[in-house]
Amino acid sequence: MASPRGEYPAERLSFGAQSLLYLTLRLATIEEQSKTRGVRLPLILDDVLVGLDDERAMRCLRVLADFATNHQILLLTCHERTAARARSAGAEILEILPR
């Protein structure tokens, strides 16, 4: 049921929508803290795209590519598809092979 003010608890959102919500909060926090502290803070992400469909994943990677112009981003994944998408968005890929 919709709230009169358009507010919803995060738990009512899908997994993908929750992932995007929390990612946007992290991006905003890092941006604000970087301004406050006067340093460019890095961002470490672990498989943040797994709950997203193909279109949203590519849109998210474009946002991250834009964010990476001012911040270092480490995007960890065990999914080749995510790595391929990141590569197509211009990311430099470092593959860590199991021993």
PDB file of N, CA and C in Angstrom:
ATOM      1  N   MET A   1       0.841  -1.183   0.000  1.00  0.00           N
ATOM      2  CA  MET A   1       0.000   0.000   0.000  1.00  0.00           C
ATOM      3  C   MET A   1       0.886   1.246   0.000  1.00  0.00           C
ATOM      4  N   ALA A   2       0.538   2.195  -0.835  1.00  0.00           N
ATOM      5  CA  ALA A   2       1.333   3.413  -0.974  1.00  0.00           C
ATOM      6  C   ALA A   2       1.150   4.323   0.231  1.00  0.00           C
ATOM      7  N   SER A   3       2.236   4.937   0.608  1.00  0.00           N
ATOM      8  CA  SER A   3       2.207   5.930   1.666  1.00  0.00           C
ATOM      9  C   SER A   3       1.702   7.246   1.081  1.00  0.00           C
ATOM     10  N   PRO A   4       0.977   8.045   1.842  1.00  0.00           N
ATOM     11  CA  PRO A   4       0.486   9.325   1.316  1.00  0.00           C
ATOM     12  C   PRO A   4       1.627  10.249   0.887  1.00  0.00           C
ATOM     13  N   ARG A   5       2.799  10.093   1.508  1.00  0.00           N
ATOM     14  CA  ARG A   5       3.934  10.957   1.163  1.00  0.00           C
ATOM     15  C   ARG A   5       4.903  10.274   0.210  1.00  0.00           C
ATOM     16  N   GLY A   6       4.554   9.084  -0.285  1.00  0.00           N
ATOM     17  CA  GLY A   6       5.442   8.393  -1.210  1.00  0.00           C
ATOM     18  C   GLY A   6       6.628   7.744  -0.527  1.00  0.00           C
ATOM     19  N   GLU A   7       6.514   7.504   0.774  1.00  0.00           N
ATOM     20  CA  GLU A   7       7.609   6.891   1.528  1.00  0.00           C
ATOM     21  C   GLU A   7       7.331   5.405   1.720  1.00  0.00           C
ATOM     22  N   TYR A   8       8.383   4.617   1.578  1.00  0.00           N
ATOM     23  CA  TYR A   8       8.273   3.177   1.747  1.00  0.00           C
ATOM     24  C   TYR A   8       9.449   2.685   2.569  1.00  0.00           C
ATOM     25  N   PRO A   9       9.229   1.718   3.452  1.00  0.00           N
ATOM     26  CA  PRO A   9      10.373   1.131   4.149  1.00  0.00           C
ATOM     27  C   PRO A   9      11.245   0.382   3.132  1.00  0.00           C
ATOM     28  N   ALA A  10      12.544   0.402   3.320  1.00  0.00           N
ATOM     29  CA  ALA A  10      13.459  -0.264   2.389  1.00  0.00           C
ATOM     30  C   ALA A  10      13.118  -1.738   2.233  1.00  0.00           C
ATOM     31  N   GLU A  11      12.589  -2.350   3.285  1.00  0.00           N
ATOM     32  CA  GLU A  11      12.270  -3.772   3.243  1.00  0.00           C
ATOM     33  C   GLU A  11      11.177  -4.100   2.224  1.00  0.00           C
ATOM     34  N   ARG A  12      10.392  -3.108   1.842  1.00  0.00           N
ATOM     35  CA  ARG A  12       9.332  -3.330   0.845  1.00  0.00           C
ATOM     36  C   ARG A  12       9.859  -3.284  -0.574  1.00  0.00           C
ATOM     37  N   LEU A  13      11.090  -2.827  -0.745  1.00  0.00           N
ATOM     38  CA  LEU A  13      11.685  -2.758  -2.079  1.00  0.00           C
ATOM     39  C   LEU A  13      12.233  -4.113  -2.485  1.00  0.00           C
ATOM     40  N   SER A  14      12.343  -4.338  -3.779  1.00  0.00           N
ATOM     41  CA  SER A  14      12.966  -5.571  -4.270  1.00  0.00           C
ATOM     42  C   SER A  14      14.447  -5.567  -3.907  1.00  0.00           C
ATOM     43  N   PHE A  15      15.095  -6.709  -4.016  1.00  0.00           N
ATOM     44  CA  PHE A  15      16.516  -6.807  -3.715  1.00  0.00           C
ATOM     45  C   PHE A  15      17.327  -5.855  -4.590  1.00  0.00           C
ATOM     46  N   GLY A  16      16.999  -5.789  -5.881  1.00  0.00           N
ATOM     47  CA  GLY A  16      17.705  -4.889  -6.785  1.00  0.00           C
ATOM     48  C   GLY A  16      17.507  -3.433  -6.418  1.00  0.00           C
ATOM     49  N   ALA A  17      16.274  -3.069  -6.072  1.00  0.00           N
ATOM     50  CA  ALA A  17      15.991  -1.691  -5.677  1.00  0.00           C
ATOM     51  C   ALA A  17      16.703  -1.336  -4.375  1.00  0.00           C
ATOM     52  N   GLN A  18      16.747  -2.273  -3.436  1.00  0.00           N
ATOM     53  CA  GLN A  18      17.494  -2.044  -2.199  1.00  0.00           C
ATOM     54  C   GLN A  18      18.974  -1.846  -2.493  1.00  0.00           C
ATOM     55  N   SER A  19      19.512  -2.665  -3.388  1.00  0.00           N
ATOM     56  CA  SER A  19      20.926  -2.541  -3.748  1.00  0.00           C
ATOM     57  C   SER A  19      21.227  -1.162  -4.313  1.00  0.00           C
ATOM     58  N   LEU A  20      20.365  -0.683  -5.196  1.00  0.00           N
ATOM     59  CA  LEU A  20      20.562   0.642  -5.783  1.00  0.00           C
ATOM     60  C   LEU A  20      20.404   1.743  -4.748  1.00  0.00           C
ATOM     61  N   LEU A  21      19.432   1.597  -3.862  1.00  0.00           N
ATOM     62  CA  LEU A  21      19.227   2.587  -2.801  1.00  0.00           C
ATOM     63  C   LEU A  21      20.491   2.710  -1.954  1.00  0.00           C
ATOM     64  N   TYR A  22      21.001   1.582  -1.480  1.00  0.00           N
ATOM     65  CA  TYR A  22      22.171   1.616  -0.609  1.00  0.00           C
ATOM     66  C   TYR A  22      23.422   2.080  -1.360  1.00  0.00           C
ATOM     67  N   LEU A  23      23.531   1.725  -2.649  1.00  0.00           N
ATOM     68  CA  LEU A  23      24.673   2.201  -3.436  1.00  0.00           C
ATOM     69  C   LEU A  23      24.620   3.718  -3.593  1.00  0.00           C
ATOM     70  N   THR A  24      23.447   4.267  -3.879  1.00  0.00           N
ATOM     71  CA  THR A  24      23.351   5.724  -4.031  1.00  0.00           C
ATOM     72  C   THR A  24      23.678   6.438  -2.720  1.00  0.00           C
ATOM     73  N   LEU A  25      23.263   5.847  -1.603  1.00  0.00           N
ATOM     74  CA  LEU A  25      23.616   6.437  -0.307  1.00  0.00           C
ATOM     75  C   LEU A  25      25.128   6.397  -0.076  1.00  0.00           C
ATOM     76  N   ARG A  26      25.772   5.323  -0.471  1.00  0.00           N
ATOM     77  CA  ARG A  26      27.231   5.231  -0.330  1.00  0.00           C
ATOM     78  C   ARG A  26      27.932   6.259  -1.218  1.00  0.00           C
ATOM     79  N   LEU A  27      27.461   6.409  -2.456  1.00  0.00           N
ATOM     80  CA  LEU A  27      28.069   7.390  -3.363  1.00  0.00           C
ATOM     81  C   LEU A  27      27.923   8.803  -2.807  1.00  0.00           C
ATOM     82  N   ALA A  28      26.739   9.117  -2.321  1.00  0.00           N
ATOM     83  CA  ALA A  28      26.500  10.455  -1.766  1.00  0.00           C
ATOM     84  C   ALA A  28      27.358  10.694  -0.525  1.00  0.00           C
ATOM     85  N   THR A  29      27.459   9.688   0.326  1.00  0.00           N
ATOM     86  CA  THR A  29      28.272   9.823   1.542  1.00  0.00           C
ATOM     87  C   THR A  29      29.733  10.041   1.199  1.00  0.00           C
ATOM     88  N   ILE A  30      30.249   9.269   0.263  1.00  0.00           N
ATOM     89  CA  ILE A  30      31.655   9.410  -0.126  1.00  0.00           C
ATOM     90  C   ILE A  30      31.903  10.775  -0.752  1.00  0.00           C
ATOM     91  N   GLU A  31      30.982  11.214  -1.580  1.00  0.00           N
ATOM     92  CA  GLU A  31      31.133  12.532  -2.217  1.00  0.00           C
ATOM     93  C   GLU A  31      31.163  13.636  -1.171  1.00  0.00           C
ATOM     94  N   GLU A  32      30.240  13.610  -0.224  1.00  0.00           N
ATOM     95  CA  GLU A  32      30.181  14.634   0.813  1.00  0.00           C
ATOM     96  C   GLU A  32      31.393  14.566   1.745  1.00  0.00           C
ATOM     97  N   GLN A  33      31.780  13.372   2.146  1.00  0.00           N
ATOM     98  CA  GLN A  33      32.941  13.226   3.028  1.00  0.00           C
ATOM     99  C   GLN A  33      34.222  13.670   2.325  1.00  0.00           C
ATOM    100  N   SER A  34      34.310  13.426   1.037  1.00  0.00           N
ATOM    101  CA  SER A  34      35.481  13.874   0.276  1.00  0.00           C
ATOM    102  C   SER A  34      35.581  15.394   0.269  1.00  0.00           C
ATOM    103  N   LYS A  35      34.453  16.054   0.108  1.00  0.00           N
ATOM    104  CA  LYS A  35      34.435  17.522   0.128  1.00  0.00           C
ATOM    105  C   LYS A  35      34.821  18.034   1.513  1.00  0.00           C
ATOM    106  N   THR A  36      34.231  17.425   2.544  1.00  0.00           N
ATOM    107  CA  THR A  36      34.484  17.847   3.923  1.00  0.00           C
ATOM    108  C   THR A  36      35.938  17.655   4.306  1.00  0.00           C
ATOM    109  N   ARG A  37      36.509  16.516   3.943  1.00  0.00           N
ATOM    110  CA  ARG A  37      37.877  16.172   4.341  1.00  0.00           C
ATOM    111  C   ARG A  37      38.948  16.695   3.385  1.00  0.00           C
ATOM    112  N   GLY A  38      38.521  17.087   2.205  1.00  0.00           N
ATOM    113  CA  GLY A  38      39.485  17.600   1.235  1.00  0.00           C
ATOM    114  C   GLY A  38      40.349  16.527   0.588  1.00  0.00           C
ATOM    115  N   VAL A  39      39.886  15.289   0.588  1.00  0.00           N
ATOM    116  CA  VAL A  39      40.600  14.185  -0.066  1.00  0.00           C
ATOM    117  C   VAL A  39      39.610  13.386  -0.913  1.00  0.00           C
ATOM    118  N   ARG A  40      40.137  12.720  -1.906  1.00  0.00           N
ATOM    119  CA  ARG A  40      39.293  11.864  -2.738  1.00  0.00           C
ATOM    120  C   ARG A  40      39.254  10.468  -2.118  1.00  0.00           C
ATOM    121  N   LEU A  41      38.123  10.119  -1.578  1.00  0.00           N
ATOM    122  CA  LEU A  41      37.984   8.824  -0.922  1.00  0.00           C
ATOM    123  C   LEU A  41      37.699   7.729  -1.946  1.00  0.00           C
ATOM    124  N   PRO A  42      38.252   6.535  -1.739  1.00  0.00           N
ATOM    125  CA  PRO A  42      37.979   5.417  -2.648  1.00  0.00           C
ATOM    126  C   PRO A  42      36.648   4.746  -2.316  1.00  0.00           C
ATOM    127  N   LEU A  43      36.210   3.908  -3.209  1.00  0.00           N
ATOM    128  CA  LEU A  43      34.977   3.155  -3.027  1.00  0.00           C
ATOM    129  C   LEU A  43      35.263   1.694  -3.344  1.00  0.00           C
ATOM    130  N   ILE A  44      34.949   0.813  -2.416  1.00  0.00           N
ATOM    131  CA  ILE A  44      35.131  -0.622  -2.627  1.00  0.00           C
ATOM    132  C   ILE A  44      33.747  -1.259  -2.661  1.00  0.00           C
ATOM    133  N   LEU A  45      33.463  -1.949  -3.760  1.00  0.00           N
ATOM    134  CA  LEU A  45      32.160  -2.577  -3.965  1.00  0.00           C
ATOM    135  C   LEU A  45      32.342  -4.067  -4.224  1.00  0.00           C
ATOM    136  N   ASP A  46      31.483  -4.874  -3.644  1.00  0.00           N
ATOM    137  CA  ASP A  46      31.550  -6.320  -3.830  1.00  0.00           C
ATOM    138  C   ASP A  46      30.237  -6.818  -4.417  1.00  0.00           C
ATOM    139  N   ASP A  47      30.275  -7.174  -5.691  1.00  0.00           N
ATOM    140  CA  ASP A  47      29.124  -7.727  -6.416  1.00  0.00           C
ATOM    141  C   ASP A  47      27.839  -6.941  -6.230  1.00  0.00           C
ATOM    142  N   VAL A  48      27.918  -5.636  -6.427  1.00  0.00           N
ATOM    143  CA  VAL A  48      26.733  -4.779  -6.254  1.00  0.00           C
ATOM    144  C   VAL A  48      25.740  -4.884  -7.413  1.00  0.00           C
ATOM    145  N   LEU A  49      26.132  -5.532  -8.508  1.00  0.00           N
ATOM    146  CA  LEU A  49      25.251  -5.597  -9.674  1.00  0.00           C
ATOM    147  C   LEU A  49      24.443  -6.882  -9.766  1.00  0.00           C
ATOM    148  N   VAL A  50      24.663  -7.826  -8.866  1.00  0.00           N
ATOM    149  CA  VAL A  50      24.040  -9.149  -9.016  1.00  0.00           C
ATOM    150  C   VAL A  50      22.513  -9.116  -8.962  1.00  0.00           C
ATOM    151  N   GLY A  51      21.918  -8.167  -8.278  1.00  0.00           N
ATOM    152  CA  GLY A  51      20.464  -8.100  -8.188  1.00  0.00           C
ATOM    153  C   GLY A  51      19.806  -7.276  -9.276  1.00  0.00           C
ATOM    154  N   LEU A  52      20.599  -6.843 -10.272  1.00  0.00           N
ATOM    155  CA  LEU A  52      20.068  -5.935 -11.298  1.00  0.00           C
ATOM    156  C   LEU A  52      19.904  -6.637 -12.634  1.00  0.00           C
ATOM    157  N   ASP A  53      18.895  -6.234 -13.392  1.00  0.00           N
ATOM    158  CA  ASP A  53      18.753  -6.755 -14.746  1.00  0.00           C
ATOM    159  C   ASP A  53      19.812  -6.103 -15.635  1.00  0.00           C
ATOM    160  N   ASP A  54      19.928  -6.575 -16.870  1.00  0.00           N
ATOM    161  CA  ASP A  54      20.991  -6.120 -17.772  1.00  0.00           C
ATOM    162  C   ASP A  54      20.992  -4.605 -17.975  1.00  0.00           C
ATOM    163  N   GLU A  55      19.818  -4.038 -18.216  1.00  0.00           N
ATOM    164  CA  GLU A  55      19.738  -2.592 -18.476  1.00  0.00           C
ATOM    165  C   GLU A  55      20.156  -1.782 -17.250  1.00  0.00           C
ATOM    166  N   ARG A  56      19.651  -2.139 -16.091  1.00  0.00           N
ATOM    167  CA  ARG A  56      20.008  -1.409 -14.870  1.00  0.00           C
ATOM    168  C   ARG A  56      21.484  -1.587 -14.525  1.00  0.00           C
ATOM    169  N   ALA A  57      22.008  -2.771 -14.768  1.00  0.00           N
ATOM    170  CA  ALA A  57      23.435  -3.012 -14.495  1.00  0.00           C
ATOM    171  C   ALA A  57      24.301  -2.095 -15.353  1.00  0.00           C
ATOM    172  N   MET A  58      23.967  -1.954 -16.625  1.00  0.00           N
ATOM    173  CA  MET A  58      24.756  -1.083 -17.502  1.00  0.00           C
ATOM    174  C   MET A  58      24.594   0.380 -17.120  1.00  0.00           C
ATOM    175  N   ARG A  59      23.404   0.789 -16.740  1.00  0.00           N
ATOM    176  CA  ARG A  59      23.195   2.171 -16.281  1.00  0.00           C
ATOM    177  C   ARG A  59      24.005   2.441 -15.014  1.00  0.00           C
ATOM    178  N   CYS A  60      23.993   1.478 -14.122  1.00  0.00           N
ATOM    179  CA  CYS A  60      24.750   1.606 -12.876  1.00  0.00           C
ATOM    180  C   CYS A  60      26.243   1.718 -13.171  1.00  0.00           C
ATOM    181  N   LEU A  61      26.729   0.921 -14.109  1.00  0.00           N
ATOM    182  CA  LEU A  61      28.155   0.993 -14.467  1.00  0.00           C
ATOM    183  C   LEU A  61      28.507   2.339 -15.084  1.00  0.00           C
ATOM    184  N   ARG A  62      27.606   2.933 -15.831  1.00  0.00           N
ATOM    185  CA  ARG A  62      27.868   4.271 -16.389  1.00  0.00           C
ATOM    186  C   ARG A  62      27.943   5.304 -15.268  1.00  0.00           C
ATOM    187  N   VAL A  63      27.082   5.178 -14.272  1.00  0.00           N
ATOM    188  CA  VAL A  63      27.141   6.076 -13.114  1.00  0.00           C
ATOM    189  C   VAL A  63      28.466   5.882 -12.381  1.00  0.00           C
ATOM    190  N   LEU A  64      28.862   4.622 -12.190  1.00  0.00           N
ATOM    191  CA  LEU A  64      30.132   4.352 -11.511  1.00  0.00           C
ATOM    192  C   LEU A  64      31.320   4.858 -12.324  1.00  0.00           C
ATOM    193  N   ALA A  65      31.254   4.739 -13.647  1.00  0.00           N
ATOM    194  CA  ALA A  65      32.333   5.255 -14.496  1.00  0.00           C
ATOM    195  C   ALA A  65      32.457   6.768 -14.340  1.00  0.00           C
ATOM    196  N   ASP A  66      31.326   7.444 -14.263  1.00  0.00           N
ATOM    197  CA  ASP A  66      31.338   8.890 -14.045  1.00  0.00           C
ATOM    198  C   ASP A  66      31.908   9.212 -12.663  1.00  0.00           C
ATOM    199  N   PHE A  67      31.497   8.462 -11.654  1.00  0.00           N
ATOM    200  CA  PHE A  67      31.996   8.656 -10.285  1.00  0.00           C
ATOM    201  C   PHE A  67      33.501   8.409 -10.224  1.00  0.00           C
ATOM    202  N   ALA A  68      33.987   7.486 -11.047  1.00  0.00           N
ATOM    203  CA  ALA A  68      35.408   7.126 -11.051  1.00  0.00           C
ATOM    204  C   ALA A  68      36.300   8.228 -11.618  1.00  0.00           C
ATOM    205  N   THR A  69      35.723   9.253 -12.205  1.00  0.00           N
ATOM    206  CA  THR A  69      36.548  10.364 -12.681  1.00  0.00           C
ATOM    207  C   THR A  69      37.155  11.133 -11.518  1.00  0.00           C
ATOM    208  N   ASN A  70      36.527  11.023 -10.327  1.00  0.00           N
ATOM    209  CA  ASN A  70      37.027  11.728  -9.141  1.00  0.00           C
ATOM    210  C   ASN A  70      37.388  10.812  -7.975  1.00  0.00           C
ATOM    211  N   HIS A  71      37.062   9.539  -8.091  1.00  0.00           N
ATOM    212  CA  HIS A  71      37.308   8.597  -7.001  1.00  0.00           C
ATOM    213  C   HIS A  71      37.795   7.270  -7.571  1.00  0.00           C
ATOM    214  N   GLN A  72      38.666   6.612  -6.846  1.00  0.00           N
ATOM    215  CA  GLN A  72      39.085   5.275  -7.237  1.00  0.00           C
ATOM    216  C   GLN A  72      37.995   4.294  -6.808  1.00  0.00           C
ATOM    217  N   ILE A  73      37.615   3.413  -7.722  1.00  0.00           N
ATOM    218  CA  ILE A  73      36.608   2.401  -7.423  1.00  0.00           C
ATOM    219  C   ILE A  73      37.220   1.023  -7.626  1.00  0.00           C
ATOM    220  N   LEU A  74      37.055   0.179  -6.630  1.00  0.00           N
ATOM    221  CA  LEU A  74      37.424  -1.228  -6.741  1.00  0.00           C
ATOM    222  C   LEU A  74      36.115  -2.012  -6.738  1.00  0.00           C
ATOM    223  N   LEU A  75      35.808  -2.628  -7.861  1.00  0.00           N
ATOM    224  CA  LEU A  75      34.583  -3.409  -8.008  1.00  0.00           C
ATOM    225  C   LEU A  75      34.984  -4.873  -8.032  1.00  0.00           C
ATOM    226  N   LEU A  76      34.674  -5.563  -6.962  1.00  0.00           N
ATOM    227  CA  LEU A  76      35.011  -6.978  -6.854  1.00  0.00           C
ATOM    228  C   LEU A  76      33.835  -7.813  -7.344  1.00  0.00           C
ATOM    229  N   THR A  77      34.146  -8.857  -8.104  1.00  0.00           N
ATOM    230  CA  THR A  77      33.101  -9.755  -8.576  1.00  0.00           C
ATOM    231  C   THR A  77      33.692 -11.116  -8.901  1.00  0.00           C
ATOM    232  N   CYS A  78      32.856 -12.127  -8.779  1.00  0.00           N
ATOM    233  CA  CYS A  78      33.248 -13.461  -9.220  1.00  0.00           C
ATOM    234  C   CYS A  78      32.453 -13.837 -10.470  1.00  0.00           C
ATOM    235  N   HIS A  79      31.719 -12.896 -11.017  1.00  0.00           N
ATOM    236  CA  HIS A  79      30.873 -13.134 -12.178  1.00  0.00           C
ATOM    237  C   HIS A  79      31.529 -12.583 -13.446  1.00  0.00           C
ATOM    238  N   GLU A  80      31.797 -13.460 -14.392  1.00  0.00           N
ATOM    239  CA  GLU A  80      32.415 -13.041 -15.653  1.00  0.00           C
ATOM    240  C   GLU A  80      31.539 -12.035 -16.385  1.00  0.00           C
ATOM    241  N   ARG A  81      30.252 -12.185 -16.274  1.00  0.00           N
ATOM    242  CA  ARG A  81      29.337 -11.261 -16.947  1.00  0.00           C
ATOM    243  C   ARG A  81      29.507  -9.842 -16.410  1.00  0.00           C
ATOM    244  N   THR A  82      29.646  -9.709 -15.097  1.00  0.00           N
ATOM    245  CA  THR A  82      29.858  -8.387 -14.495  1.00  0.00           C
ATOM    246  C   THR A  82      31.187  -7.812 -14.952  1.00  0.00           C
ATOM    247  N   ALA A  83      32.222  -8.646 -14.994  1.00  0.00           N
ATOM    248  CA  ALA A  83      33.533  -8.190 -15.455  1.00  0.00           C
ATOM    249  C   ALA A  83      33.463  -7.730 -16.908  1.00  0.00           C
ATOM    250  N   ALA A  84      32.757  -8.468 -17.743  1.00  0.00           N
ATOM    251  CA  ALA A  84      32.616  -8.088 -19.149  1.00  0.00           C
ATOM    252  C   ALA A  84      31.865  -6.767 -19.287  1.00  0.00           C
ATOM    253  N   ARG A  85      30.817  -6.590 -18.496  1.00  0.00           N
ATOM    254  CA  ARG A  85      30.070  -5.321 -18.521  1.00  0.00           C
ATOM    255  C   ARG A  85      30.957  -4.160 -18.082  1.00  0.00           C
ATOM    256  N   ALA A  86      31.714  -4.378 -17.015  1.00  0.00           N
ATOM    257  CA  ALA A  86      32.609  -3.327 -16.515  1.00  0.00           C
ATOM    258  C   ALA A  86      33.659  -2.989 -17.567  1.00  0.00           C
ATOM    259  N   ARG A  87      34.191  -3.998 -18.214  1.00  0.00           N
ATOM    260  CA  ARG A  87      35.182  -3.775 -19.279  1.00  0.00           C
ATOM    261  C   ARG A  87      34.571  -2.934 -20.391  1.00  0.00           C
ATOM    262  N   SER A  88      33.335  -3.245 -20.771  1.00  0.00           N
ATOM    263  CA  SER A  88      32.683  -2.487 -21.845  1.00  0.00           C
ATOM    264  C   SER A  88      32.382  -1.052 -21.427  1.00  0.00           C
ATOM    265  N   ALA A  89      32.312  -0.809 -20.118  1.00  0.00           N
ATOM    266  CA  ALA A  89      32.087   0.553 -19.617  1.00  0.00           C
ATOM    267  C   ALA A  89      33.405   1.301 -19.431  1.00  0.00           C
ATOM    268  N   GLY A  90      34.530   0.650 -19.769  1.00  0.00           N
ATOM    269  CA  GLY A  90      35.822   1.326 -19.713  1.00  0.00           C
ATOM    270  C   GLY A  90      36.675   0.996 -18.510  1.00  0.00           C
ATOM    271  N   ALA A  91      36.254   0.019 -17.705  1.00  0.00           N
ATOM    272  CA  ALA A  91      37.024  -0.331 -16.505  1.00  0.00           C
ATOM    273  C   ALA A  91      38.272  -1.126 -16.870  1.00  0.00           C
ATOM    274  N   GLU A  92      39.293  -0.962 -16.074  1.00  0.00           N
ATOM    275  CA  GLU A  92      40.498  -1.778 -16.192  1.00  0.00           C
ATOM    276  C   GLU A  92      40.267  -3.012 -15.320  1.00  0.00           C
ATOM    277  N   ILE A  93      40.455  -4.180 -15.902  1.00  0.00           N
ATOM    278  CA  ILE A  93      40.150  -5.434 -15.228  1.00  0.00           C
ATOM    279  C   ILE A  93      41.452  -6.100 -14.760  1.00  0.00           C
ATOM    280  N   LEU A  94      41.456  -6.495 -13.520  1.00  0.00           N
ATOM    281  CA  LEU A  94      42.577  -7.260 -12.950  1.00  0.00           C
ATOM    282  C   LEU A  94      41.978  -8.576 -12.485  1.00  0.00           C
ATOM    283  N   GLU A  95      42.373  -9.657 -13.141  1.00  0.00           N
ATOM    284  CA  GLU A  95      41.838 -10.970 -12.788  1.00  0.00           C
ATOM    285  C   GLU A  95      42.761 -11.618 -11.752  1.00  0.00           C
ATOM    286  N   ILE A  96      42.163 -12.072 -10.685  1.00  0.00           N
ATOM    287  CA  ILE A  96      42.906 -12.772  -9.640  1.00  0.00           C
ATOM    288  C   ILE A  96      42.536 -14.243  -9.753  1.00  0.00           C
ATOM    289  N   LEU A  97      43.495 -15.039 -10.155  1.00  0.00           N
ATOM    290  CA  LEU A  97      43.243 -16.464 -10.368  1.00  0.00           C
ATOM    291  C   LEU A  97      43.391 -17.241  -9.063  1.00  0.00           C
ATOM    292  N   PRO A  98      42.573 -18.285  -8.903  1.00  0.00           N
ATOM    293  CA  PRO A  98      42.740 -19.115  -7.694  1.00  0.00           C
ATOM    294  C   PRO A  98      44.056 -19.875  -7.760  1.00  0.00           C
ATOM    295  N   ARG A  99      44.572 -20.203  -6.590  1.00  0.00           N
ATOM    296  CA  ARG A  99      45.818 -20.974  -6.574  1.00  0.00           C
ATOM    297  C   ARG A  99      45.555 -22.429  -6.767  1.00  0.00           C
TER     298      ARG A  99
END
